[in-house]
Amino acid sequence: MVHRPGAALAALLAVVGLVACTPANPAEPDEPSGAGEPVASQAPAEPVGSKDVGVQLFQWTWDAIAAECPALGEAGYGWVLTSPPNEHILGEAWWTAYQPVSYRVDSRLGTREEFAAMTAACADAGVGIVADAVVNHMTGQDAPGVGWAGSHYDHYDYPGLWSDVEGHFHHCGLTDNDDIASYTSAVQVRTCELVNLADLATESEPVRARLREYLADLVSLGVSGVRIDAAKHMSSADVEAITAELPEDLLVISEVIRGAQEPIRPEDYTDAGDVLEFAWGRDVAGIVKGGALRLALELGSPEGSTTYLPSDAAWIFVDNHDTERGRQTLSYRDGQDYALANALMLAADYARPVVYSGYAFSDRDAGPVQDADGAVLDATCAPGVGPDADDDDGSWVCQHRWPLVEGMVGWRAAVGPAGEDASTSVDGRVVTVSRGPRGWFAASGNLEPTTGRYPTGLQPGPYCDVAAGPLTPEGQCAGPTVEVDAGGFVEVTIPAKSAVALHVGARPAG
């Protein structure tokens, strides 16, 4: 059974459809879409109102997510990826959340009741909740301990849950310490331990049955989907079996990191649902730094040089909590390049995007700011967040609220998927995307501002440049107003390593 977006997401995504459309042939820079026909004669366009953008609010508490959801829904986000909700080991590091002690929904991010209240509040705002589900392993602690909610555990013994004596764990016997030594061995990857984490025997029916119970419990609490953490370390058959009894329309996204010369591929997991395409974020980093932005829009398309997952099965991201620490991708530290990469992701036709939002750190193990008892403090977004902000360690970077990122989320919601009237064009290091009468986007890889006259496909009149941010609560432009002339052209100056974005849902008031 293939899982696709769940009930809470279905209404948001129905108008989008999940299959990315192939853009029409690029329009020439000096010839607008529909050249020869007065643009003004077109019927008035309306925003599509699609919401196929996810946002990972890494280590945000349930209360903080609930408070943020109205703003997320207004901005055009469709769902939030939470950190794991299960009970975990004690400790300050971020990765303590990825070492389960039990499947009680009680963690340093909040209680079961707060989790349920969050899903309800976000649903009211039109935003779904996708929970990060750690089902491949338990802790990596050799010494016995007590978890966040008081559950006792040993490395291979979790009373009332898992027991080594009953065969609930793998001991691969293929390496000196049972840890994975080579990712070219599929057997090692799936049966040896990932950095000492007690590896569950997910091919065992008793193990699968208990994991199904946990996922079903999350569904009962109102989640619209689950991200299967470390899916690569289980067989695709295991992932399918564990998720098979979930509601058919629940969103299931497997984490399968693509690696060169590795036998386990993301494509192997599409029968269980969707899969994260890690290669996109790695590839776009070099493209944006180099400035040849055309290549960013070709990633995943027939014109691209790299093999990716099929568009309708893939979710892409500029960075996530792992890649920003491994420096494998761009991150908030890259400032304007990072903002531009997110804008290109949101304008692309390939796959569906997930924006990342976390906290600043210099120690890669550092967790979020916590109180004296270890509970995470609620996230807050300070005024002026963006690529030029000075982010002290522990401060919430709030990338999802950066003006260019948030403005482009609204742009994508307004223009919807590429249709027959979609086109792209390239002029040196400037790339433009037209979605006919619904929206237009231009991005520059140049190190200096670039002025040009471009065809848009939009109807004549004034538009807000949402690359400077979405409309204000009073309905005013956050940045410049751009005038589209009678022929559908605009003359604009695109800031260095940035963008201009116009759409029918962002017109100046009055």
Protein backbone atom coordinates (compact mmCIF):
# COMPACT_ATOMS: atom_id res chain seq x y z
CA MET A 1 0.00 0.00 0.00
CA VAL A 2 1.39 3.41 -0.97
CA HIS A 3 0.59 6.18 1.50
CA ARG A 4 -0.07 9.69 0.24
CA PRO A 5 -0.97 12.90 2.14
CA GLY A 6 -3.44 12.33 4.96
CA ALA A 7 -6.91 13.64 5.67
CA ALA A 8 -5.76 16.87 7.32
CA LEU A 9 -3.50 17.56 4.34
CA ALA A 10 -5.82 16.31 1.61
CA ALA A 11 -7.96 19.43 1.50
CA LEU A 12 -4.83 21.55 1.37
CA LEU A 13 -3.16 19.54 -1.37
CA ALA A 14 -6.13 18.44 -3.46
CA VAL A 15 -5.98 21.49 -5.67
CA VAL A 16 -2.25 20.98 -6.23
CA GLY A 17 -2.16 17.33 -7.17
CA LEU A 18 1.01 15.58 -6.11
CA VAL A 19 2.54 15.00 -9.52
CA ALA A 20 4.85 17.78 -10.60
CA CYS A 21 4.11 19.12 -14.07
CA THR A 22 6.74 19.59 -16.75
CA PRO A 23 7.15 23.25 -17.66
CA ALA A 24 6.33 24.39 -21.16
CA ASN A 25 9.11 25.37 -23.54
CA PRO A 26 11.01 28.42 -22.27
CA ALA A 27 9.76 31.76 -23.52
CA GLU A 28 12.30 34.06 -25.12
CA PRO A 29 13.27 36.97 -22.87
CA ASP A 30 11.90 39.56 -25.34
CA GLU A 31 8.62 37.80 -26.08
CA PRO A 32 5.98 37.42 -23.36
CA SER A 33 3.77 34.39 -22.93
CA GLY A 34 0.78 34.93 -25.19
CA ALA A 35 2.66 37.40 -27.38
CA GLY A 36 0.37 38.92 -29.99
CA GLU A 37 -2.64 38.93 -27.67
CA PRO A 38 -3.23 41.88 -25.33
CA VAL A 39 -2.48 40.73 -21.81
CA ALA A 40 -5.32 42.88 -20.51
CA SER A 41 -7.85 40.77 -22.42
CA GLN A 42 -7.21 37.73 -20.23
CA ALA A 43 -9.79 36.83 -17.61
CA PRO A 44 -8.81 38.02 -14.13
CA ALA A 45 -6.61 35.47 -12.40
CA GLU A 46 -7.10 34.32 -8.80
CA PRO A 47 -4.61 32.75 -6.37
CA VAL A 48 -4.73 28.96 -6.50
CA GLY A 49 -4.43 28.58 -2.73
CA SER A 50 -2.35 25.41 -2.77
CA LYS A 51 -0.37 24.28 0.27
CA ASP A 52 2.22 21.67 -0.59
CA VAL A 53 5.08 23.14 1.47
CA GLY A 54 6.22 21.53 4.71
CA VAL A 55 8.34 23.15 7.41
CA GLN A 56 10.57 21.32 9.87
CA LEU A 57 10.42 23.17 13.20
CA PHE A 58 13.39 21.41 14.72
CA GLN A 59 13.22 21.02 18.49
CA TRP A 60 10.26 23.36 18.81
CA THR A 61 7.99 22.53 21.74
CA TRP A 62 4.40 21.47 21.15
CA ASP A 63 3.13 24.68 22.74
CA ALA A 64 5.38 26.82 20.52
CA ILE A 65 4.26 24.99 17.36
CA ALA A 66 0.62 25.43 18.34
CA ALA A 67 1.20 29.16 18.79
CA GLU A 68 3.01 29.40 15.42
CA CYS A 69 0.47 27.50 13.33
CA PRO A 70 -1.91 30.42 12.62
CA ALA A 71 1.01 32.36 11.12
CA LEU A 72 2.16 29.28 9.21
CA GLY A 73 -1.28 28.75 7.72
CA GLU A 74 -1.53 32.39 6.74
CA ALA A 75 1.90 32.24 5.08
CA GLY A 76 0.91 29.21 2.98
CA TYR A 77 2.62 26.33 4.76
CA GLY A 78 0.71 23.04 4.60
CA TRP A 79 2.30 21.00 7.39
CA VAL A 80 4.87 20.95 10.18
CA LEU A 81 7.46 18.22 10.76
CA THR A 82 7.96 17.89 14.51
CA SER A 83 10.89 16.37 16.35
CA PRO A 84 10.32 12.85 17.75
CA PRO A 85 7.51 12.88 20.36
CA ASN A 86 8.50 9.68 22.18
CA GLU A 87 10.17 9.38 25.59
CA HIS A 88 13.95 9.54 25.22
CA ILE A 89 17.18 9.43 27.21
CA LEU A 90 18.20 12.33 29.42
CA GLY A 91 20.80 14.82 28.26
CA GLU A 92 21.23 18.26 26.72
CA ALA A 93 22.36 17.23 23.20
CA TRP A 94 19.96 17.46 20.25
CA TRP A 95 20.35 13.75 19.48
CA THR A 96 18.89 12.62 22.80
CA ALA A 97 15.49 12.91 21.09
CA TYR A 98 16.60 10.21 18.63
CA GLN A 99 17.35 7.64 21.34
CA PRO A 100 13.94 6.26 22.39
CA VAL A 101 13.36 4.75 25.82
CA SER A 102 9.66 4.05 25.29
CA TYR A 103 6.82 5.03 22.99
CA ARG A 104 5.11 7.18 25.60
CA VAL A 105 4.33 10.58 24.07
CA ASP A 106 6.13 12.47 26.81
CA SER A 107 9.38 14.26 26.05
CA ARG A 108 11.33 17.40 26.82
CA LEU A 109 9.22 19.09 24.11
CA GLY A 110 5.94 18.50 25.92
CA THR A 111 3.35 16.10 27.27
CA ARG A 112 0.85 13.88 25.51
CA GLU A 113 -1.90 16.38 26.26
CA GLU A 114 0.15 19.24 24.82
CA PHE A 115 0.89 17.19 21.70
CA ALA A 116 -2.83 16.54 21.14
CA ALA A 117 -3.63 20.21 21.77
CA MET A 118 -1.00 21.17 19.18
CA THR A 119 -2.41 18.93 16.44
CA ALA A 120 -5.89 20.34 17.10
CA ALA A 121 -4.73 23.97 17.09
CA CYS A 122 -2.76 23.48 13.89
CA ALA A 123 -5.67 21.71 12.19
CA ASP A 124 -7.83 24.73 13.01
CA ALA A 125 -5.23 26.85 11.21
CA GLY A 126 -5.25 24.56 8.17
CA VAL A 127 -1.84 23.09 8.99
CA GLY A 128 -1.14 19.36 9.35
CA ILE A 129 1.32 17.75 11.77
CA VAL A 130 3.86 15.15 10.61
CA ALA A 131 5.71 13.42 13.47
CA ASP A 132 9.29 12.20 13.21
CA ALA A 133 8.97 8.49 14.07
CA VAL A 134 12.08 6.72 15.37
CA VAL A 135 11.28 3.03 14.82
CA ASN A 136 14.59 1.53 13.69
CA HIS A 137 16.40 1.54 17.03
CA MET A 138 16.40 2.36 20.72
CA THR A 139 19.22 3.90 22.78
CA GLY A 140 22.96 3.75 22.30
CA GLN A 141 23.68 3.83 26.02
CA ASP A 142 25.72 0.94 27.45
CA ALA A 143 24.84 1.79 31.06
CA PRO A 144 21.30 1.36 32.46
CA GLY A 145 19.29 4.54 32.88
CA VAL A 146 15.95 6.24 33.33
CA GLY A 147 14.20 8.08 30.52
CA TRP A 148 12.55 11.50 30.46
CA ALA A 149 9.17 10.16 31.67
CA GLY A 150 10.67 7.80 34.27
CA SER A 151 10.91 4.57 32.26
CA HIS A 152 13.83 2.32 33.24
CA TYR A 153 15.96 0.81 30.49
CA ASP A 154 19.12 -1.07 29.68
CA HIS A 155 20.86 -1.05 26.31
CA TYR A 156 19.03 -4.19 25.16
CA ASP A 157 16.21 -4.40 27.71
CA TYR A 158 13.18 -2.09 27.89
CA PRO A 159 10.78 -3.56 30.47
CA GLY A 160 7.33 -4.24 29.06
CA LEU A 161 8.53 -3.34 25.56
CA TRP A 162 11.68 -4.99 24.19
CA SER A 163 13.89 -7.81 25.39
CA ASP A 164 17.12 -9.17 23.97
CA VAL A 165 16.20 -12.61 25.32
CA GLU A 166 13.08 -12.60 23.17
CA GLY A 167 15.05 -11.75 20.04
CA HIS A 168 13.86 -8.16 19.60
CA PHE A 169 17.32 -6.85 18.62
CA HIS A 170 19.90 -7.48 15.92
CA HIS A 171 23.47 -8.45 16.74
CA CYS A 172 24.92 -8.67 13.27
CA GLY A 173 28.28 -10.26 14.14
CA LEU A 174 29.78 -8.82 10.96
CA THR A 175 32.08 -6.22 12.52
CA ASP A 176 34.23 -6.06 15.66
CA ASN A 177 31.76 -3.96 17.63
CA ASP A 178 28.55 -4.76 15.70
CA ASP A 179 28.52 -1.20 14.32
CA ILE A 180 28.14 -0.50 10.61
CA ALA A 181 31.61 -0.37 9.05
CA SER A 182 30.76 -0.21 5.35
CA TYR A 183 27.76 1.33 3.61
CA THR A 184 28.53 -0.74 0.51
CA SER A 185 27.15 -3.73 2.44
CA ALA A 186 23.35 -3.69 2.54
CA VAL A 187 23.39 -6.43 5.21
CA GLN A 188 25.56 -4.31 7.50
CA VAL A 189 23.44 -1.20 6.97
CA ARG A 190 20.24 -3.05 7.85
CA THR A 191 21.37 -5.40 10.63
CA CYS A 192 24.41 -3.82 12.29
CA GLU A 193 24.16 -0.90 14.68
CA LEU A 194 24.24 2.75 13.72
CA VAL A 195 26.72 4.28 16.20
CA ASN A 196 25.88 1.75 18.94
CA LEU A 197 22.10 2.34 18.77
CA ALA A 198 20.30 -0.88 19.73
CA ASP A 199 18.98 -2.07 16.36
CA LEU A 200 15.46 -3.49 16.38
CA ALA A 201 14.73 -6.71 14.48
CA THR A 202 12.11 -5.03 12.33
CA GLU A 203 11.66 -8.15 10.21
CA SER A 204 10.14 -9.82 13.30
CA GLU A 205 6.34 -9.73 13.45
CA PRO A 206 6.21 -9.04 17.23
CA VAL A 207 8.48 -6.01 16.69
CA ARG A 208 6.46 -4.83 13.72
CA ALA A 209 3.20 -5.19 15.64
CA ARG A 210 4.41 -3.03 18.53
CA LEU A 211 5.72 -0.37 16.17
CA ARG A 212 2.36 -0.32 14.41
CA GLU A 213 0.73 0.34 17.77
CA TYR A 214 2.98 3.35 18.31
CA LEU A 215 2.22 4.83 14.89
CA ALA A 216 -1.49 4.18 15.35
CA ASP A 217 -1.30 6.03 18.66
CA LEU A 218 0.20 9.05 16.91
CA VAL A 219 -2.66 8.93 14.42
CA SER A 220 -5.14 8.87 17.32
CA LEU A 221 -3.50 12.08 18.56
CA GLY A 222 -4.23 13.80 15.26
CA VAL A 223 -1.10 13.54 13.12
CA SER A 224 -1.47 13.80 9.36
CA GLY A 225 1.71 11.92 8.62
CA VAL A 226 4.94 10.38 9.84
CA ARG A 227 8.56 10.68 8.81
CA ILE A 228 10.25 7.29 9.14
CA ASP A 229 13.64 8.11 10.62
CA ALA A 230 16.59 5.94 9.49
CA ALA A 231 14.42 4.00 7.04
CA LYS A 232 17.59 3.12 5.17
CA HIS A 233 18.58 0.93 8.12
CA MET A 234 15.50 -1.24 7.65
CA SER A 235 14.47 -3.14 4.57
CA SER A 236 11.81 -1.53 2.40
CA ALA A 237 9.62 -4.56 3.21
CA ASP A 238 9.94 -3.70 6.92
CA VAL A 239 8.86 -0.11 6.34
CA GLU A 240 5.90 -1.28 4.27
CA ALA A 241 4.86 -3.80 6.91
CA ILE A 242 5.13 -1.30 9.78
CA THR A 243 3.07 1.34 7.97
CA ALA A 244 0.64 -0.94 6.12
CA GLU A 245 -2.21 -0.66 8.62
CA LEU A 246 -2.10 3.12 8.87
CA PRO A 247 -4.88 5.08 7.12
CA GLU A 248 -4.28 4.91 3.40
CA ASP A 249 -4.22 8.68 3.00
CA LEU A 250 -1.69 9.25 5.80
CA LEU A 251 1.49 10.93 4.60
CA VAL A 252 4.47 8.57 5.01
CA ILE A 253 7.92 9.96 4.18
CA SER A 254 10.97 7.71 4.52
CA GLU A 255 14.43 9.03 5.31
CA VAL A 256 16.76 7.25 2.90
CA ILE A 257 20.03 9.12 2.35
CA ARG A 258 21.33 8.68 -1.18
CA GLY A 259 24.98 7.63 -1.26
CA ALA A 260 27.30 7.13 -4.21
CA GLN A 261 28.09 3.47 -4.97
CA GLU A 262 25.71 2.29 -2.24
CA PRO A 263 23.39 -0.64 -2.94
CA ILE A 264 20.47 0.79 -0.92
CA ARG A 265 18.66 3.43 -2.96
CA PRO A 266 15.80 5.82 -2.14
CA GLU A 267 13.88 4.40 -5.10
CA ASP A 268 13.60 1.08 -3.25
CA TYR A 269 11.24 2.63 -0.67
CA THR A 270 8.57 4.28 -2.83
CA ASP A 271 6.15 1.36 -2.38
CA ALA A 272 5.77 2.47 1.26
CA GLY A 273 5.06 6.11 0.36
CA ASP A 274 7.20 9.16 -0.33
CA VAL A 275 10.94 9.54 0.23
CA LEU A 276 13.29 12.41 1.03
CA GLU A 277 15.68 13.22 -1.84
CA PHE A 278 18.90 14.23 -0.09
CA ALA A 279 20.82 14.72 -3.34
CA TRP A 280 18.84 17.86 -4.22
CA GLY A 281 20.12 19.83 -1.24
CA ARG A 282 23.71 18.73 -1.79
CA ASP A 283 23.60 19.61 -5.48
CA VAL A 284 21.88 22.98 -5.16
CA ALA A 285 24.54 24.19 -2.70
CA GLY A 286 27.28 24.25 -5.30
CA ILE A 287 24.97 25.67 -7.96
CA VAL A 288 23.94 28.66 -5.87
CA LYS A 289 27.49 29.38 -4.76
CA GLY A 290 28.61 29.25 -8.38
CA GLY A 291 25.78 31.45 -9.63
CA ALA A 292 24.57 29.35 -12.60
CA LEU A 293 21.00 29.26 -11.31
CA ARG A 294 19.59 27.62 -14.44
CA LEU A 295 21.00 24.35 -13.16
CA ALA A 296 18.99 24.61 -9.93
CA LEU A 297 15.72 24.58 -11.86
CA GLU A 298 16.91 21.63 -13.93
CA LEU A 299 17.59 19.40 -10.93
CA GLY A 300 15.29 16.40 -11.14
CA SER A 301 14.10 17.29 -14.66
CA PRO A 302 14.94 15.46 -17.91
CA GLU A 303 17.49 18.21 -18.58
CA GLY A 304 19.27 17.53 -15.29
CA SER A 305 22.40 15.41 -15.21
CA THR A 306 21.66 13.60 -11.93
CA THR A 307 19.23 10.77 -11.32
CA TYR A 308 16.68 11.62 -8.64
CA LEU A 309 13.51 10.07 -7.30
CA PRO A 310 10.38 10.50 -9.43
CA SER A 311 8.94 13.94 -8.76
CA ASP A 312 5.63 12.67 -7.41
CA ALA A 313 7.41 10.55 -4.77
CA ALA A 314 10.03 13.06 -3.61
CA TRP A 315 10.34 15.75 -0.97
CA ILE A 316 13.33 18.09 -1.19
CA PHE A 317 15.04 20.49 1.22
CA VAL A 318 17.97 22.89 1.29
CA ASP A 319 19.05 21.53 4.67
CA ASN A 320 17.79 19.61 7.69
CA HIS A 321 19.01 18.98 11.24
CA ASP A 322 21.59 16.42 10.09
CA THR A 323 22.98 18.10 6.99
CA GLU A 324 23.42 21.51 8.62
CA ARG A 325 25.61 19.86 11.25
CA GLY A 326 27.57 17.80 8.75
CA ARG A 327 28.08 20.87 6.53
CA GLN A 328 26.91 18.76 3.58
CA THR A 329 24.54 21.48 2.43
CA LEU A 330 23.99 25.19 2.77
CA SER A 331 22.73 26.39 6.14
CA TYR A 332 21.69 29.61 7.84
CA ARG A 333 25.40 30.48 8.13
CA ASP A 334 25.48 30.96 4.35
CA GLY A 335 23.15 33.95 4.64
CA GLN A 336 21.89 35.21 1.29
CA ASP A 337 23.01 32.09 -0.62
CA TYR A 338 20.86 30.03 1.75
CA ALA A 339 17.85 32.30 1.31
CA LEU A 340 18.25 32.17 -2.48
CA ALA A 341 18.50 28.37 -2.48
CA ASN A 342 15.21 28.20 -0.58
CA ALA A 343 13.60 30.58 -3.05
CA LEU A 344 14.71 28.40 -5.98
CA MET A 345 13.38 25.30 -4.22
CA LEU A 346 10.01 27.00 -3.77
CA ALA A 347 9.92 28.08 -7.42
CA ALA A 348 11.02 24.70 -8.81
CA ASP A 349 8.69 22.23 -10.49
CA TYR A 350 10.51 19.14 -9.20
CA ALA A 351 9.11 17.41 -6.12
CA ARG A 352 7.64 19.22 -3.12
CA PRO A 353 9.63 21.39 -0.69
CA VAL A 354 10.35 21.26 3.03
CA VAL A 355 11.69 24.45 4.62
CA TYR A 356 13.97 23.97 7.62
CA SER A 357 13.86 26.13 10.76
CA GLY A 358 16.14 25.54 13.76
CA TYR A 359 18.44 27.30 16.22
CA ALA A 360 21.96 28.68 16.04
CA PHE A 361 24.87 26.60 17.32
CA SER A 362 28.64 26.37 17.18
CA ASP A 363 28.92 22.96 18.90
CA ARG A 364 27.33 20.40 16.57
CA ASP A 365 26.03 18.39 19.54
CA ALA A 366 24.41 21.37 21.23
CA GLY A 367 20.74 21.06 21.99
CA PRO A 368 18.21 23.90 22.17
CA VAL A 369 18.05 26.13 25.23
CA GLN A 370 16.56 24.24 28.17
CA ASP A 371 15.45 25.02 31.70
CA ALA A 372 17.05 23.62 34.86
CA ASP A 373 15.02 20.42 34.53
CA GLY A 374 15.99 19.85 30.89
CA ALA A 375 12.69 20.93 29.32
CA VAL A 376 13.16 22.88 26.08
CA LEU A 377 12.12 26.52 26.26
CA ASP A 378 9.46 27.68 23.82
CA ALA A 379 10.82 29.00 20.54
CA THR A 380 10.34 32.69 19.76
CA CYS A 381 11.11 34.53 16.54
CA ALA A 382 12.76 37.88 17.15
CA PRO A 383 11.98 40.87 14.93
CA GLY A 384 14.32 41.19 11.98
CA VAL A 385 15.08 37.52 11.39
CA GLY A 386 16.83 36.97 8.08
CA PRO A 387 20.12 36.25 6.36
CA ASP A 388 21.85 39.32 7.82
CA ALA A 389 20.85 38.74 11.44
CA ASP A 390 23.49 38.03 14.08
CA ASP A 391 22.43 34.70 15.57
CA ASP A 392 23.94 33.91 18.96
CA ASP A 393 24.23 30.26 19.96
CA GLY A 394 20.86 28.96 21.09
CA SER A 395 18.81 31.70 19.43
CA TRP A 396 16.00 30.60 17.15
CA VAL A 397 17.00 31.36 13.57
CA CYS A 398 13.40 31.10 12.31
CA GLN A 399 14.35 30.55 8.68
CA HIS A 400 10.69 29.93 7.85
CA ARG A 401 10.03 33.60 8.60
CA TRP A 402 12.92 35.03 6.59
CA PRO A 403 11.28 37.55 4.22
CA LEU A 404 12.41 35.89 0.98
CA VAL A 405 11.50 32.41 2.22
CA GLU A 406 8.09 33.35 3.63
CA GLY A 407 7.30 35.48 0.60
CA MET A 408 8.11 32.58 -1.74
CA VAL A 409 5.96 30.16 0.29
CA GLY A 410 3.05 32.52 -0.40
CA TRP A 411 4.10 32.77 -4.04
CA ARG A 412 4.01 29.00 -4.45
CA ALA A 413 0.62 28.80 -2.73
CA ALA A 414 -0.76 31.45 -5.07
CA VAL A 415 0.57 30.14 -8.38
CA GLY A 416 0.01 26.40 -7.87
CA PRO A 417 1.65 23.75 -10.05
CA ALA A 418 3.13 24.44 -13.45
CA GLY A 419 0.57 24.16 -16.24
CA GLU A 420 0.51 24.70 -19.98
CA ASP A 421 1.11 28.43 -19.52
CA ALA A 422 4.28 27.90 -17.48
CA SER A 423 7.66 28.84 -18.92
CA THR A 424 11.24 29.47 -17.91
CA SER A 425 13.95 31.56 -19.50
CA VAL A 426 17.64 32.17 -18.91
CA ASP A 427 19.63 35.35 -19.48
CA GLY A 428 23.19 34.85 -18.30
CA ARG A 429 22.98 34.23 -14.58
CA VAL A 430 19.38 35.40 -14.39
CA VAL A 431 16.63 32.81 -14.53
CA THR A 432 12.93 33.63 -14.75
CA VAL A 433 9.85 31.47 -14.13
CA SER A 434 6.40 32.41 -15.38
CA ARG A 435 3.22 30.76 -14.17
CA GLY A 436 1.08 32.62 -16.71
CA PRO A 437 -1.36 35.13 -15.20
CA ARG A 438 -0.82 33.81 -11.66
CA GLY A 439 2.79 34.68 -10.95
CA TRP A 440 6.33 35.44 -12.06
CA PHE A 441 9.73 34.91 -10.44
CA ALA A 442 13.24 36.03 -11.34
CA ALA A 443 16.46 35.11 -9.56
CA SER A 444 19.99 36.35 -10.13
CA GLY A 445 23.28 34.61 -9.41
CA ASN A 446 25.21 37.81 -10.10
CA LEU A 447 27.27 39.46 -7.38
CA GLU A 448 25.90 42.90 -8.31
CA PRO A 449 22.30 44.08 -8.84
CA THR A 450 20.98 43.26 -12.31
CA THR A 451 18.50 45.46 -14.19
CA GLY A 452 16.46 44.11 -17.08
CA ARG A 453 13.13 44.11 -18.88
CA TYR A 454 11.34 40.78 -18.79
CA PRO A 455 8.06 39.26 -20.01
CA THR A 456 5.89 37.96 -17.19
CA GLY A 457 2.50 36.70 -18.45
CA LEU A 458 0.85 38.77 -15.70
CA GLN A 459 -1.98 41.21 -16.31
CA PRO A 460 -1.04 44.88 -16.30
CA GLY A 461 -0.93 46.80 -13.05
CA PRO A 462 0.98 47.09 -9.78
CA TYR A 463 2.24 44.06 -7.85
CA CYS A 464 4.08 43.67 -4.56
CA ASP A 465 7.55 42.15 -4.77
CA VAL A 466 7.06 39.34 -2.23
CA ALA A 467 10.78 38.52 -2.35
CA ALA A 468 10.92 41.31 0.23
CA GLY A 469 8.30 39.50 2.30
CA PRO A 470 4.57 38.78 2.22
CA LEU A 471 1.90 41.45 2.47
CA THR A 472 1.70 43.26 5.79
CA PRO A 473 -1.36 42.64 8.01
CA GLU A 474 -2.71 45.92 6.64
CA GLY A 475 -2.46 44.60 3.07
CA GLN A 476 0.50 46.75 2.11
CA CYS A 477 3.64 45.67 0.25
CA ALA A 478 6.54 44.72 2.52
CA GLY A 479 8.95 45.95 -0.15
CA PRO A 480 8.88 47.56 -3.60
CA THR A 481 5.87 47.82 -5.88
CA VAL A 482 6.50 46.57 -9.40
CA GLU A 483 4.45 47.76 -12.39
CA VAL A 484 3.55 45.31 -15.15
CA ASP A 485 2.98 47.20 -18.40
CA ALA A 486 0.25 46.69 -20.99
CA GLY A 487 2.32 44.10 -22.81
CA GLY A 488 2.99 42.06 -19.68
CA PHE A 489 6.59 43.24 -19.27
CA VAL A 490 8.36 44.47 -16.14
CA GLU A 491 11.53 46.45 -15.76
CA VAL A 492 13.12 45.49 -12.48
CA THR A 493 16.43 45.51 -10.66
CA ILE A 494 17.13 42.12 -9.10
CA PRO A 495 19.36 42.45 -6.02
CA ALA A 496 22.66 40.59 -5.97
CA LYS A 497 22.23 36.88 -5.27
CA SER A 498 18.51 37.39 -4.71
CA ALA A 499 15.14 37.46 -6.44
CA VAL A 500 12.00 39.33 -7.45
CA ALA A 501 8.65 37.54 -7.12
CA LEU A 502 5.17 38.68 -8.11
CA HIS A 503 1.81 36.94 -7.81
CA VAL A 504 -1.89 37.68 -8.14
CA GLY A 505 -2.49 37.37 -4.42
CA ALA A 506 -0.13 40.22 -3.57
CA ARG A 507 -1.37 43.48 -5.09
CA PRO A 508 -1.03 46.85 -3.34
CA ALA A 509 -4.10 47.87 -1.38
CA GLY A 510 -6.10 50.89 -2.44
